[in-house]
Amino acid sequence: QVVAAAAAATSPAAWRKQYEKYHPTEAPVHRRAQQLHALGALSLALFAARGVWLAITHLRFLLLLQQLVLGYLLGLICSRLLPVVLLGVPAPSCHFCAFSWEVLQNAPWCLEAEWEQGKEHLIFLITAGKQNCLTRKLYDGPR
C-alpha cells in the first residue's frame, strides 16, 4: 500500500479520509482489530487524564510524563500486538493515528481522527452491528 505524505492532507477531513484508508472496518476481523485500536486510544486518554490529575494534586510534573508514557505503551500494545495475538491477523499498518509517526506532525488531527473512529465504534455497538431500529437514525443523523 502506498502511504500518502502527511503534508498531503490539508484539512481534518482529508486527514480523516487517510485515517480510514489505513484503519478499515468492513470485514468483521478488521472491525475487531480496530476496536482493539480504539481500546488503545482510550487507554492513552485515560492515562493522560490520570497524569493530569496526579500532577495537579501532587504538584509533580513528572507524574504526568510517567502516565503519558505508560498510556502510550499500553495503547501500542492494544493497537499493534493484541490484534496479532488474539485475532491472528498481521500487525496493522497504523498511519495518520495516535500510534503512528504522523502524530509528531499533526497531533490534533490524529486525536480528532481517533475521536471520530471511537464515535463510529460506539454507534456500531449501540446499533448491534447495524442491525436494529436505531441504525438509520444514528448513521444518517448529525454527529
N, C-alpha and C. Protein backbone atom coordinates (compact mmCIF):
# COMPACT_ATOMS: atom_id res chain seq x y z
N GLN A 1 0.84 -1.18 0.00
CA GLN A 1 0.00 0.00 0.00
C GLN A 1 0.89 1.24 0.00
N VAL A 2 0.55 2.20 -0.82
CA VAL A 2 1.31 3.43 -0.91
C VAL A 2 0.85 4.36 0.21
N VAL A 3 1.81 4.85 0.98
CA VAL A 3 1.50 5.74 2.09
C VAL A 3 1.58 7.18 1.61
N ALA A 4 0.50 7.90 1.78
CA ALA A 4 0.48 9.32 1.40
C ALA A 4 1.25 10.12 2.43
N ALA A 5 1.88 11.17 1.98
CA ALA A 5 2.61 12.04 2.90
C ALA A 5 1.61 12.79 3.77
N ALA A 6 2.00 12.99 5.02
CA ALA A 6 1.12 13.70 5.94
C ALA A 6 0.85 15.12 5.46
N ALA A 7 1.80 15.71 4.76
CA ALA A 7 1.62 17.07 4.25
C ALA A 7 0.55 17.13 3.17
N ALA A 8 0.22 15.97 2.56
CA ALA A 8 -0.79 15.95 1.51
C ALA A 8 -2.19 16.21 2.07
N ALA A 9 -2.39 15.90 3.33
CA ALA A 9 -3.69 16.15 3.97
C ALA A 9 -3.71 17.61 4.42
N THR A 10 -4.59 18.40 3.81
CA THR A 10 -4.62 19.83 4.08
C THR A 10 -5.76 20.26 4.99
N SER A 11 -6.60 19.29 5.41
CA SER A 11 -7.71 19.61 6.30
C SER A 11 -7.98 18.41 7.18
N PRO A 12 -8.70 18.62 8.27
CA PRO A 12 -9.05 17.48 9.12
C PRO A 12 -9.86 16.41 8.37
N ALA A 13 -10.70 16.82 7.42
CA ALA A 13 -11.48 15.85 6.65
C ALA A 13 -10.57 14.99 5.77
N ALA A 14 -9.58 15.61 5.14
CA ALA A 14 -8.63 14.85 4.32
C ALA A 14 -7.80 13.91 5.19
N TRP A 15 -7.44 14.38 6.38
CA TRP A 15 -6.69 13.55 7.32
C TRP A 15 -7.53 12.34 7.73
N ARG A 16 -8.80 12.59 8.00
CA ARG A 16 -9.70 11.51 8.40
C ARG A 16 -9.87 10.49 7.27
N LYS A 17 -9.91 10.96 6.04
CA LYS A 17 -10.03 10.05 4.90
C LYS A 17 -8.81 9.14 4.81
N GLN A 18 -7.63 9.72 5.02
CA GLN A 18 -6.41 8.91 5.03
C GLN A 18 -6.41 7.94 6.22
N TYR A 19 -6.91 8.39 7.35
CA TYR A 19 -7.01 7.53 8.54
C TYR A 19 -7.88 6.32 8.23
N GLU A 20 -9.03 6.54 7.62
CA GLU A 20 -9.95 5.45 7.29
C GLU A 20 -9.34 4.47 6.29
N LYS A 21 -8.48 4.97 5.42
CA LYS A 21 -7.82 4.11 4.44
C LYS A 21 -6.93 3.07 5.12
N TYR A 22 -6.26 3.46 6.20
CA TYR A 22 -5.34 2.56 6.89
C TYR A 22 -5.97 1.87 8.10
N HIS A 23 -7.21 2.19 8.41
CA HIS A 23 -7.93 1.57 9.52
C HIS A 23 -9.28 1.07 9.04
N PRO A 24 -9.31 0.04 8.19
CA PRO A 24 -10.58 -0.44 7.62
C PRO A 24 -11.45 -1.14 8.66
N THR A 25 -12.76 -1.05 8.46
CA THR A 25 -13.70 -1.70 9.38
C THR A 25 -14.75 -2.52 8.64
N GLU A 26 -14.55 -2.79 7.35
CA GLU A 26 -15.57 -3.50 6.58
C GLU A 26 -15.70 -4.96 7.01
N ALA A 27 -14.61 -5.69 7.03
CA ALA A 27 -14.64 -7.11 7.40
C ALA A 27 -14.72 -7.23 8.93
N PRO A 28 -15.40 -8.26 9.42
CA PRO A 28 -15.51 -8.43 10.88
C PRO A 28 -14.17 -8.51 11.60
N VAL A 29 -13.19 -9.18 11.00
CA VAL A 29 -11.89 -9.27 11.67
C VAL A 29 -11.20 -7.91 11.71
N HIS A 30 -11.38 -7.11 10.66
CA HIS A 30 -10.81 -5.75 10.68
C HIS A 30 -11.53 -4.88 11.70
N ARG A 31 -12.85 -5.04 11.81
CA ARG A 31 -13.62 -4.28 12.80
C ARG A 31 -13.11 -4.60 14.21
N ARG A 32 -12.89 -5.88 14.49
CA ARG A 32 -12.38 -6.27 15.82
C ARG A 32 -10.98 -5.69 16.06
N ALA A 33 -10.14 -5.72 15.04
CA ALA A 33 -8.80 -5.16 15.19
C ALA A 33 -8.88 -3.66 15.47
N GLN A 34 -9.79 -2.97 14.80
CA GLN A 34 -9.93 -1.53 15.04
C GLN A 34 -10.58 -1.23 16.39
N GLN A 35 -11.39 -2.14 16.88
CA GLN A 35 -11.92 -1.97 18.24
C GLN A 35 -10.80 -2.08 19.26
N LEU A 36 -9.85 -2.98 19.03
CA LEU A 36 -8.67 -3.05 19.90
C LEU A 36 -7.84 -1.79 19.78
N HIS A 37 -7.76 -1.24 18.57
CA HIS A 37 -7.06 0.02 18.36
C HIS A 37 -7.75 1.14 19.16
N ALA A 38 -9.07 1.16 19.14
CA ALA A 38 -9.82 2.16 19.90
C ALA A 38 -9.62 1.97 21.39
N LEU A 39 -9.51 0.72 21.83
CA LEU A 39 -9.21 0.45 23.24
C LEU A 39 -7.86 1.02 23.62
N GLY A 40 -6.89 0.93 22.70
CA GLY A 40 -5.58 1.53 22.94
C GLY A 40 -5.65 3.03 23.05
N ALA A 41 -6.43 3.65 22.16
CA ALA A 41 -6.59 5.11 22.22
C ALA A 41 -7.30 5.52 23.50
N LEU A 42 -8.28 4.74 23.93
CA LEU A 42 -8.98 5.03 25.18
C LEU A 42 -8.04 4.91 26.37
N SER A 43 -7.19 3.90 26.37
CA SER A 43 -6.25 3.75 27.48
C SER A 43 -5.26 4.92 27.51
N LEU A 44 -4.83 5.37 26.35
CA LEU A 44 -3.95 6.55 26.30
C LEU A 44 -4.66 7.76 26.90
N ALA A 45 -5.91 7.97 26.53
CA ALA A 45 -6.66 9.12 27.05
C ALA A 45 -6.87 9.02 28.56
N LEU A 46 -7.19 7.83 29.04
CA LEU A 46 -7.41 7.66 30.48
C LEU A 46 -6.12 7.87 31.27
N PHE A 47 -5.02 7.33 30.79
CA PHE A 47 -3.75 7.53 31.48
C PHE A 47 -3.33 9.00 31.43
N ALA A 48 -3.60 9.68 30.33
CA ALA A 48 -3.27 11.11 30.23
C ALA A 48 -4.10 11.91 31.24
N ALA A 49 -5.38 11.60 31.35
CA ALA A 49 -6.23 12.29 32.33
C ALA A 49 -5.76 11.99 33.75
N ARG A 50 -5.39 10.76 34.00
CA ARG A 50 -4.89 10.40 35.33
C ARG A 50 -3.58 11.14 35.62
N GLY A 51 -2.73 11.27 34.61
CA GLY A 51 -1.48 12.00 34.78
C GLY A 51 -1.71 13.47 35.09
N VAL A 52 -2.68 14.08 34.42
CA VAL A 52 -3.02 15.49 34.70
C VAL A 52 -3.52 15.62 36.14
N TRP A 53 -4.40 14.72 36.53
CA TRP A 53 -4.95 14.77 37.89
C TRP A 53 -3.84 14.58 38.93
N LEU A 54 -2.95 13.61 38.72
CA LEU A 54 -1.86 13.38 39.67
C LEU A 54 -0.89 14.56 39.70
N ALA A 55 -0.60 15.13 38.55
CA ALA A 55 0.32 16.28 38.50
C ALA A 55 -0.26 17.48 39.23
N ILE A 56 -1.57 17.68 39.11
CA ILE A 56 -2.20 18.82 39.79
C ILE A 56 -2.28 18.58 41.29
N THR A 57 -2.70 17.39 41.67
CA THR A 57 -2.90 17.14 43.11
C THR A 57 -1.59 16.98 43.87
N HIS A 58 -0.55 16.44 43.24
CA HIS A 58 0.73 16.23 43.91
C HIS A 58 1.77 17.28 43.54
N LEU A 59 1.43 18.16 42.60
CA LEU A 59 2.33 19.23 42.13
C LEU A 59 3.67 18.67 41.65
N ARG A 60 3.61 17.55 40.92
CA ARG A 60 4.82 16.95 40.36
C ARG A 60 4.55 16.65 38.89
N PHE A 61 5.22 17.41 38.02
CA PHE A 61 5.02 17.29 36.58
C PHE A 61 5.47 15.93 36.04
N LEU A 62 6.43 15.32 36.72
CA LEU A 62 6.95 14.03 36.27
C LEU A 62 5.87 12.95 36.27
N LEU A 63 4.88 13.07 37.14
CA LEU A 63 3.79 12.10 37.16
C LEU A 63 2.98 12.15 35.85
N LEU A 64 2.82 13.34 35.29
CA LEU A 64 2.12 13.47 34.01
C LEU A 64 2.90 12.76 32.90
N LEU A 65 4.20 12.98 32.83
CA LEU A 65 5.01 12.32 31.82
C LEU A 65 5.01 10.81 31.99
N GLN A 66 5.08 10.36 33.24
CA GLN A 66 5.06 8.93 33.53
C GLN A 66 3.77 8.30 33.03
N GLN A 67 2.64 8.92 33.33
CA GLN A 67 1.35 8.37 32.92
C GLN A 67 1.16 8.43 31.41
N LEU A 68 1.68 9.48 30.77
CA LEU A 68 1.61 9.55 29.30
C LEU A 68 2.40 8.42 28.65
N VAL A 69 3.58 8.15 29.17
CA VAL A 69 4.40 7.06 28.61
C VAL A 69 3.72 5.72 28.85
N LEU A 70 3.22 5.49 30.05
CA LEU A 70 2.54 4.23 30.35
C LEU A 70 1.29 4.06 29.47
N GLY A 71 0.51 5.12 29.32
CA GLY A 71 -0.68 5.06 28.48
C GLY A 71 -0.34 4.81 27.03
N TYR A 72 0.72 5.45 26.55
CA TYR A 72 1.12 5.26 25.15
C TYR A 72 1.59 3.83 24.92
N LEU A 73 2.37 3.29 25.86
CA LEU A 73 2.84 1.92 25.71
C LEU A 73 1.68 0.92 25.77
N LEU A 74 0.76 1.12 26.68
CA LEU A 74 -0.41 0.25 26.75
C LEU A 74 -1.25 0.37 25.47
N GLY A 75 -1.38 1.59 24.98
CA GLY A 75 -2.11 1.81 23.73
C GLY A 75 -1.44 1.12 22.55
N LEU A 76 -0.11 1.19 22.49
CA LEU A 76 0.62 0.49 21.42
C LEU A 76 0.40 -1.02 21.50
N ILE A 77 0.43 -1.55 22.71
CA ILE A 77 0.21 -2.99 22.88
C ILE A 77 -1.19 -3.36 22.41
N CYS A 78 -2.19 -2.57 22.81
CA CYS A 78 -3.57 -2.86 22.40
C CYS A 78 -3.76 -2.73 20.90
N SER A 79 -3.15 -1.73 20.29
CA SER A 79 -3.40 -1.48 18.87
C SER A 79 -2.52 -2.29 17.94
N ARG A 80 -1.32 -2.66 18.36
CA ARG A 80 -0.39 -3.35 17.46
C ARG A 80 -0.20 -4.83 17.79
N LEU A 81 -0.16 -5.18 19.06
CA LEU A 81 0.16 -6.55 19.44
C LEU A 81 -1.08 -7.42 19.64
N LEU A 82 -2.10 -6.89 20.28
CA LEU A 82 -3.29 -7.70 20.55
C LEU A 82 -4.01 -8.20 19.30
N PRO A 83 -4.12 -7.42 18.22
CA PRO A 83 -4.74 -7.99 17.01
C PRO A 83 -3.99 -9.21 16.48
N VAL A 84 -2.67 -9.19 16.59
CA VAL A 84 -1.87 -10.33 16.12
C VAL A 84 -2.10 -11.53 17.03
N VAL A 85 -2.07 -11.33 18.34
CA VAL A 85 -2.18 -12.43 19.30
C VAL A 85 -3.60 -12.97 19.39
N LEU A 86 -4.59 -12.08 19.49
CA LEU A 86 -5.97 -12.52 19.71
C LEU A 86 -6.71 -12.89 18.43
N LEU A 87 -6.45 -12.17 17.35
CA LEU A 87 -7.21 -12.38 16.13
C LEU A 87 -6.45 -13.11 15.05
N GLY A 88 -5.14 -13.21 15.21
CA GLY A 88 -4.33 -13.89 14.21
C GLY A 88 -4.17 -13.14 12.90
N VAL A 89 -4.38 -11.85 12.93
CA VAL A 89 -4.20 -11.04 11.72
C VAL A 89 -2.82 -10.40 11.76
N PRO A 90 -2.26 -10.05 10.60
CA PRO A 90 -0.96 -9.38 10.60
C PRO A 90 -1.05 -8.04 11.34
N ALA A 91 0.08 -7.59 11.80
CA ALA A 91 0.12 -6.31 12.51
C ALA A 91 -0.43 -5.21 11.63
N PRO A 92 -1.37 -4.42 12.15
CA PRO A 92 -1.96 -3.35 11.33
C PRO A 92 -0.93 -2.28 11.01
N SER A 93 -1.09 -1.66 9.85
CA SER A 93 -0.19 -0.57 9.47
C SER A 93 -0.85 0.74 9.90
N CYS A 94 -0.46 1.20 11.05
CA CYS A 94 -1.05 2.42 11.59
C CYS A 94 -0.42 3.64 10.92
N HIS A 95 -1.26 4.43 10.29
CA HIS A 95 -0.86 5.71 9.71
C HIS A 95 -1.96 6.71 10.02
N PHE A 96 -1.57 7.96 10.24
CA PHE A 96 -2.50 9.06 10.49
C PHE A 96 -3.28 8.85 11.79
N CYS A 97 -2.68 8.17 12.77
CA CYS A 97 -3.35 7.94 14.05
C CYS A 97 -2.40 8.29 15.20
N ALA A 98 -2.87 8.12 16.42
CA ALA A 98 -2.08 8.47 17.59
C ALA A 98 -0.87 7.55 17.78
N PHE A 99 -0.89 6.38 17.14
CA PHE A 99 0.20 5.43 17.30
C PHE A 99 1.08 5.34 16.06
N SER A 100 1.15 6.41 15.31
CA SER A 100 1.99 6.46 14.12
C SER A 100 2.93 7.66 14.22
N TRP A 101 3.87 7.71 13.32
CA TRP A 101 4.82 8.83 13.31
C TRP A 101 4.15 10.14 12.90
N GLU A 102 3.02 10.05 12.23
CA GLU A 102 2.33 11.27 11.81
C GLU A 102 1.83 12.09 12.99
N VAL A 103 1.73 11.48 14.16
CA VAL A 103 1.28 12.22 15.34
C VAL A 103 2.27 13.34 15.67
N LEU A 104 3.51 13.17 15.30
CA LEU A 104 4.51 14.21 15.55
C LEU A 104 4.32 15.41 14.63
N GLN A 105 3.68 15.20 13.49
CA GLN A 105 3.46 16.29 12.54
C GLN A 105 2.17 17.04 12.80
N ASN A 106 1.13 16.31 13.24
CA ASN A 106 -0.15 16.98 13.45
C ASN A 106 -0.97 16.20 14.48
N ALA A 107 -0.61 16.36 15.74
CA ALA A 107 -1.26 15.63 16.82
C ALA A 107 -2.76 15.95 16.95
N PRO A 108 -3.19 17.20 16.83
CA PRO A 108 -4.63 17.46 16.96
C PRO A 108 -5.48 16.72 15.93
N TRP A 109 -5.01 16.64 14.70
CA TRP A 109 -5.79 15.94 13.68
C TRP A 109 -5.78 14.43 13.93
N CYS A 110 -4.66 13.91 14.44
CA CYS A 110 -4.61 12.48 14.80
C CYS A 110 -5.62 12.18 15.89
N LEU A 111 -5.67 13.02 16.90
CA LEU A 111 -6.61 12.81 18.01
C LEU A 111 -8.05 12.98 17.54
N GLU A 112 -8.27 13.91 16.63
CA GLU A 112 -9.63 14.09 16.08
C GLU A 112 -10.05 12.85 15.29
N ALA A 113 -9.13 12.27 14.52
CA ALA A 113 -9.45 11.05 13.77
C ALA A 113 -9.76 9.90 14.72
N GLU A 114 -8.99 9.79 15.80
CA GLU A 114 -9.25 8.74 16.80
C GLU A 114 -10.62 8.97 17.45
N TRP A 115 -10.95 10.22 17.75
CA TRP A 115 -12.24 10.55 18.36
C TRP A 115 -13.40 10.15 17.44
N GLU A 116 -13.29 10.50 16.17
CA GLU A 116 -14.35 10.17 15.21
C GLU A 116 -14.50 8.65 15.06
N GLN A 117 -13.37 7.95 15.02
CA GLN A 117 -13.43 6.50 14.90
C GLN A 117 -14.04 5.88 16.17
N GLY A 118 -13.71 6.44 17.33
CA GLY A 118 -14.31 5.96 18.58
C GLY A 118 -15.81 6.14 18.59
N LYS A 119 -16.29 7.29 18.08
CA LYS A 119 -17.73 7.51 17.99
C LYS A 119 -18.38 6.51 17.05
N GLU A 120 -17.71 6.20 15.95
CA GLU A 120 -18.25 5.24 15.00
C GLU A 120 -18.35 3.85 15.63
N HIS A 121 -17.33 3.47 16.41
CA HIS A 121 -17.39 2.18 17.10
C HIS A 121 -18.53 2.14 18.11
N LEU A 122 -18.74 3.24 18.81
CA LEU A 122 -19.83 3.31 19.78
C LEU A 122 -21.19 3.17 19.09
N ILE A 123 -21.37 3.86 17.97
CA ILE A 123 -22.62 3.75 17.22
C ILE A 123 -22.81 2.32 16.72
N PHE A 124 -21.73 1.69 16.27
CA PHE A 124 -21.82 0.31 15.79
C PHE A 124 -22.28 -0.62 16.93
N LEU A 125 -21.76 -0.39 18.13
CA LEU A 125 -22.17 -1.22 19.27
C LEU A 125 -23.62 -0.95 19.67
N ILE A 126 -24.03 0.31 19.66
CA ILE A 126 -25.40 0.66 20.04
C ILE A 126 -26.40 0.07 19.05
N THR A 127 -26.04 0.04 17.79
CA THR A 127 -26.96 -0.48 16.77
C THR A 127 -26.82 -1.98 16.57
N ALA A 128 -26.10 -2.66 17.46
CA ALA A 128 -25.91 -4.11 17.40
C ALA A 128 -25.38 -4.54 16.03
N GLY A 129 -24.34 -3.86 15.60
CA GLY A 129 -23.75 -4.20 14.30
C GLY A 129 -24.58 -3.77 13.12
N LYS A 130 -25.21 -2.61 13.24
CA LYS A 130 -26.06 -2.03 12.19
C LYS A 130 -27.28 -2.91 11.91
N GLN A 131 -27.83 -3.53 12.96
CA GLN A 131 -28.94 -4.47 12.77
C GLN A 131 -30.26 -4.02 13.38
N ASN A 132 -30.29 -2.99 14.22
CA ASN A 132 -31.55 -2.66 14.87
C ASN A 132 -32.17 -1.36 14.34
N CYS A 133 -33.25 -0.96 14.98
CA CYS A 133 -34.02 0.18 14.50
C CYS A 133 -33.30 1.53 14.62
N LEU A 134 -32.25 1.60 15.40
CA LEU A 134 -31.51 2.86 15.57
C LEU A 134 -30.48 3.11 14.48
N THR A 135 -30.24 2.13 13.64
CA THR A 135 -29.16 2.22 12.66
C THR A 135 -29.30 3.45 11.76
N ARG A 136 -30.44 3.59 11.11
CA ARG A 136 -30.61 4.71 10.17
C ARG A 136 -30.54 6.06 10.90
N LYS A 137 -31.15 6.16 12.06
CA LYS A 137 -31.17 7.42 12.80
C LYS A 137 -29.76 7.82 13.23
N LEU A 138 -28.97 6.88 13.71
CA LEU A 138 -27.63 7.19 14.20
C LEU A 138 -26.63 7.42 13.08
N TYR A 139 -26.69 6.62 12.03
CA TYR A 139 -25.73 6.75 10.95
C TYR A 139 -26.06 7.90 9.99
N ASP A 140 -27.34 8.21 9.83
CA ASP A 140 -27.72 9.28 8.90
C ASP A 140 -27.89 10.63 9.58
N GLY A 141 -27.99 10.64 10.90
CA GLY A 141 -28.24 11.88 11.63
C GLY A 141 -26.97 12.69 11.85
N PRO A 142 -27.09 13.82 12.51
CA PRO A 142 -25.92 14.67 12.78
C PRO A 142 -25.01 14.00 13.78
N ARG A 143 -23.73 14.31 13.68
CA ARG A 143 -22.76 13.75 14.61
C ARG A 143 -22.18 14.81 15.47
